[in-house]
Each structure stands twice: as structure tokens, then as C-alpha cells.
C-alpha atoms as a PDB file:
ATOM      1  CA  MET A   1      -3.830  -3.984  47.241  1.00  0.00           C
ATOM      2  CA  LYS A   2      -5.933  -1.066  45.940  1.00  0.00           C
ATOM      3  CA  THR A   3      -2.798   0.513  44.492  1.00  0.00           C
ATOM      4  CA  ILE A   4      -2.088  -2.613  42.439  1.00  0.00           C
ATOM      5  CA  HIS A   5      -5.657  -2.668  41.096  1.00  0.00           C
ATOM      6  CA  ARG A   6      -5.447   1.033  40.214  1.00  0.00           C
ATOM      7  CA  ALA A   7      -2.156   0.459  38.402  1.00  0.00           C
ATOM      8  CA  ARG A   8      -3.645  -2.445  36.483  1.00  0.00           C
ATOM      9  CA  ALA A   9      -6.758  -0.425  35.651  1.00  0.00           C
ATOM     10  CA  GLY A  10      -4.584   2.471  34.480  1.00  0.00           C
ATOM     11  CA  ALA A  11      -2.501   0.156  32.316  1.00  0.00           C
ATOM     12  CA  LEU A  12      -5.663  -1.399  30.896  1.00  0.00           C
ATOM     13  CA  LEU A  13      -7.114   2.027  30.074  1.00  0.00           C
ATOM     14  CA  LEU A  14      -3.853   3.025  28.393  1.00  0.00           C
ATOM     15  CA  LEU A  15      -3.855  -0.191  26.374  1.00  0.00           C
ATOM     16  CA  CYS A  16      -7.496   0.312  25.322  1.00  0.00           C
ATOM     17  CA  GLY A  17      -6.770   3.897  24.311  1.00  0.00           C
ATOM     18  CA  THR A  18      -3.775   2.801  22.276  1.00  0.00           C
ATOM     19  CA  ILE A  19      -5.795   0.088  20.515  1.00  0.00           C
ATOM     20  CA  LEU A  20      -8.614   2.541  19.765  1.00  0.00           C
ATOM     21  CA  ALA A  21      -6.217   5.162  18.389  1.00  0.00           C
ATOM     22  CA  THR A  22      -4.387   2.585  16.295  1.00  0.00           C
ATOM     23  CA  SER A  23      -7.618   1.206  14.843  1.00  0.00           C
ATOM     24  CA  GLN A  24      -8.783   4.729  13.947  1.00  0.00           C
ATOM     25  CA  ILE A  25      -5.482   5.393  12.163  1.00  0.00           C
ATOM     26  CA  ALA A  26      -5.758   2.067  10.320  1.00  0.00           C
ATOM     27  CA  PHE A  27      -9.362   2.853   9.332  1.00  0.00           C
ATOM     28  CA  ALA A  28      -8.325   6.280   8.002  1.00  0.00           C
ATOM     29  CA  GLN A  29      -5.469   4.670   6.036  1.00  0.00           C
ATOM     30  CA  ASP A  30      -7.889   2.095   4.574  1.00  0.00           C
ATOM     31  CA  GLU A  31     -10.231   4.891   3.431  1.00  0.00           C
ATOM     32  CA  GLU A  32      -7.309   6.802   1.912  1.00  0.00           C
ATOM     33  CA  ASP A  33      -6.075   3.647   0.147  1.00  0.00           C
ATOM     34  CA  THR A  34      -9.580   2.992  -1.220  1.00  0.00           C
ATOM     35  CA  ARG A  35      -9.690   6.498  -2.709  1.00  0.00           C
ATOM     36  CA  GLY A  36      -6.165   5.974  -4.063  1.00  0.00           C
ATOM     37  CA  HIS A  37      -7.110   2.659  -5.687  1.00  0.00           C
ATOM     38  CA  GLN A  38     -10.137   4.315  -7.318  1.00  0.00           C
ATOM     39  CA  LYS A  39      -7.928   7.097  -8.679  1.00  0.00           C
ATOM     40  CA  LEU A  40      -5.326   4.595  -9.899  1.00  0.00           C
ATOM     41  CA  ALA A  41      -8.012   2.533 -11.660  1.00  0.00           C
ATOM     42  CA  ALA A  42      -9.238   5.689 -13.410  1.00  0.00           C
ATOM     43  CA  ILE A  43      -5.806   6.659 -14.773  1.00  0.00           C
ATOM     44  CA  ALA A  44      -3.970   3.341 -15.206  1.00  0.00           C
ATOM     45  CA  ARG A  45      -4.239  -0.137 -16.654  1.00  0.00           C
ATOM     46  CA  VAL A  46      -2.969  -2.709 -14.208  1.00  0.00           C
ATOM     47  CA  GLU A  47      -1.429  -6.029 -15.173  1.00  0.00           C
ATOM     48  CA  SER A  48      -1.184  -8.065 -11.965  1.00  0.00           C
ATOM     49  CA  MET A  49       1.049 -11.007 -11.185  1.00  0.00           C
ATOM     50  CA  VAL A  50       3.142 -10.770 -14.360  1.00  0.00           C
ATOM     51  CA  MET A  51       5.884 -13.347 -13.918  1.00  0.00           C
ATOM     52  CA  VAL A  52       9.138 -11.622 -14.873  1.00  0.00           C
ATOM     53  CA  PRO A  53      12.139 -13.927 -15.433  1.00  0.00           C
ATOM     54  CA  MET A  54      15.402 -12.941 -13.769  1.00  0.00           C
ATOM     55  CA  ARG A  55      18.890 -13.818 -15.058  1.00  0.00           C
ATOM     56  CA  ASP A  56      19.107 -16.837 -12.767  1.00  0.00           C
ATOM     57  CA  GLY A  57      15.816 -18.225 -14.113  1.00  0.00           C
ATOM     58  CA  VAL A  58      13.720 -17.322 -11.074  1.00  0.00           C
ATOM     59  CA  LYS A  59      10.426 -15.652 -11.985  1.00  0.00           C
ATOM     60  CA  LEU A  60       9.240 -12.808  -9.780  1.00  0.00           C
ATOM     61  CA  ALA A  61       5.571 -11.836  -9.574  1.00  0.00           C
ATOM     62  CA  THR A  62       5.246  -8.202 -10.610  1.00  0.00           C
ATOM     63  CA  ASP A  63       2.433  -5.695 -11.011  1.00  0.00           C
ATOM     64  CA  VAL A  64       2.723  -3.405 -14.034  1.00  0.00           C
ATOM     65  CA  TYR A  65       0.937  -0.047 -14.107  1.00  0.00           C
ATOM     66  CA  LEU A  66       0.489   1.560 -17.524  1.00  0.00           C
ATOM     67  CA  PRO A  67      -1.146   4.903 -18.349  1.00  0.00           C
ATOM     68  CA  ARG A  68      -4.680   4.492 -19.747  1.00  0.00           C
ATOM     69  CA  GLU A  69      -4.116   7.312 -22.226  1.00  0.00           C
ATOM     70  CA  GLY A  70      -1.823   7.040 -25.229  1.00  0.00           C
ATOM     71  CA  GLU A  71       0.340   4.344 -26.666  1.00  0.00           C
ATOM     72  CA  GLY A  72       3.758   3.341 -25.350  1.00  0.00           C
ATOM     73  CA  PRO A  73       6.540   2.954 -25.110  1.00  0.00           C
ATOM     74  CA  TRP A  74       6.752   4.834 -21.813  1.00  0.00           C
ATOM     75  CA  PRO A  75       9.709   5.430 -19.540  1.00  0.00           C
ATOM     76  CA  ALA A  76       9.656   3.039 -16.588  1.00  0.00           C
ATOM     77  CA  ILE A  77      10.251   3.139 -12.872  1.00  0.00           C
ATOM     78  CA  PHE A  78      11.122  -0.261 -11.421  1.00  0.00           C
ATOM     79  CA  VAL A  79      10.416  -0.831  -7.731  1.00  0.00           C
ATOM     80  CA  LYS A  80      10.742  -4.287  -6.197  1.00  0.00           C
ATOM     81  CA  THR A  81      10.171  -5.182  -2.567  1.00  0.00           C
ATOM     82  CA  PRO A  82       9.826  -8.496  -0.742  1.00  0.00           C
ATOM     83  CA  TYR A  83       7.194  -6.974   1.544  1.00  0.00           C
ATOM     84  CA  ASN A  84       3.395  -7.085   1.298  1.00  0.00           C
ATOM     85  CA  PHE A  85       2.945  -7.985  -2.344  1.00  0.00           C
ATOM     86  CA  ASN A  86      -0.767  -8.666  -1.908  1.00  0.00           C
ATOM     87  CA  ARG A  87      -1.961  -5.085  -2.286  1.00  0.00           C
ATOM     88  CA  ILE A  88      -0.299  -1.772  -2.970  1.00  0.00           C
ATOM     89  CA  GLY A  89      -1.081   0.863  -0.366  1.00  0.00           C
ATOM     90  CA  GLY A  90       0.191   3.836   1.589  1.00  0.00           C
ATOM     91  CA  ILE A  91       3.153   5.705   0.197  1.00  0.00           C
ATOM     92  CA  GLN A  92       3.742   3.107  -2.539  1.00  0.00           C
ATOM     93  CA  LEU A  93       0.218   3.744  -3.838  1.00  0.00           C
ATOM     94  CA  GLU A  94       0.882   7.492  -3.817  1.00  0.00           C
ATOM     95  CA  TRP A  95       4.135   6.928  -5.751  1.00  0.00           C
ATOM     96  CA  ALA A  96       2.353   4.791  -8.354  1.00  0.00           C
ATOM     97  CA  ILE A  97      -0.324   7.459  -8.882  1.00  0.00           C
ATOM     98  CA  GLU A  98       2.266  10.219  -9.184  1.00  0.00           C
ATOM     99  CA  ALA A  99       4.349   8.187 -11.652  1.00  0.00           C
ATOM    100  CA  ILE A 100       1.314   7.466 -13.864  1.00  0.00           C
ATOM    101  CA  GLU A 101       0.276  11.127 -13.739  1.00  0.00           C
ATOM    102  CA  ARG A 102       3.786  12.085 -14.912  1.00  0.00           C
ATOM    103  CA  GLY A 103       3.695   9.659 -17.830  1.00  0.00           C
ATOM    104  CA  TYR A 104       5.690   6.711 -16.516  1.00  0.00           C
END
């Protein structure tokens, strides 16, 4: 009986450690994304939820990032994903910053 309780306690400790580590990683990512959003706001104009018509008539919500400096036209990079449209973050945020810095 004691062996079962020890195994359960060990599993519980492992689970708690995993949750703690995961939450720390998520917190660090949130801080990094916040810094990234501040940098993006400083270098880009953002037009959110622009409804772009497709050939079949469907309109897709799109965010457009334009350099703050200068007048267009600018070359464009088009990235479309069905995932997590609500807020750009992580590697996609890094890509957007790099593209704006390079004049796209």
C-alpha cells in the first residue's frame, strides 16, 4: 500500500514540476511577445482585420503591417494561416519585425 502512495506522490510531484516549468516558459514567451509588440508598434503601422476578397468571393480577415517610415509601394510578403488569428506572437512576430526592418 505504501508503494502505491509513493508512486502516486511521485507522479503528482512530476506533474506539478511539469506544470510549473510550462507556466514559466509561457510567462517568458509572453514577456518576449510584449517586447516584440512594442518594437513592432514603434516601426510599423498595423491595419487589423482588413477583409481581403478571394477569387471565390470569400473574404479573409488579414492584418497588414506597413513600415512607419517612407511612402510605398513596398514589396510584400504574404503569409496566411488558419491558426491563432487573434494575436501575432512567437516566431511569426519575429518574422514580421524582421520583414518591416528590411523594408517589406
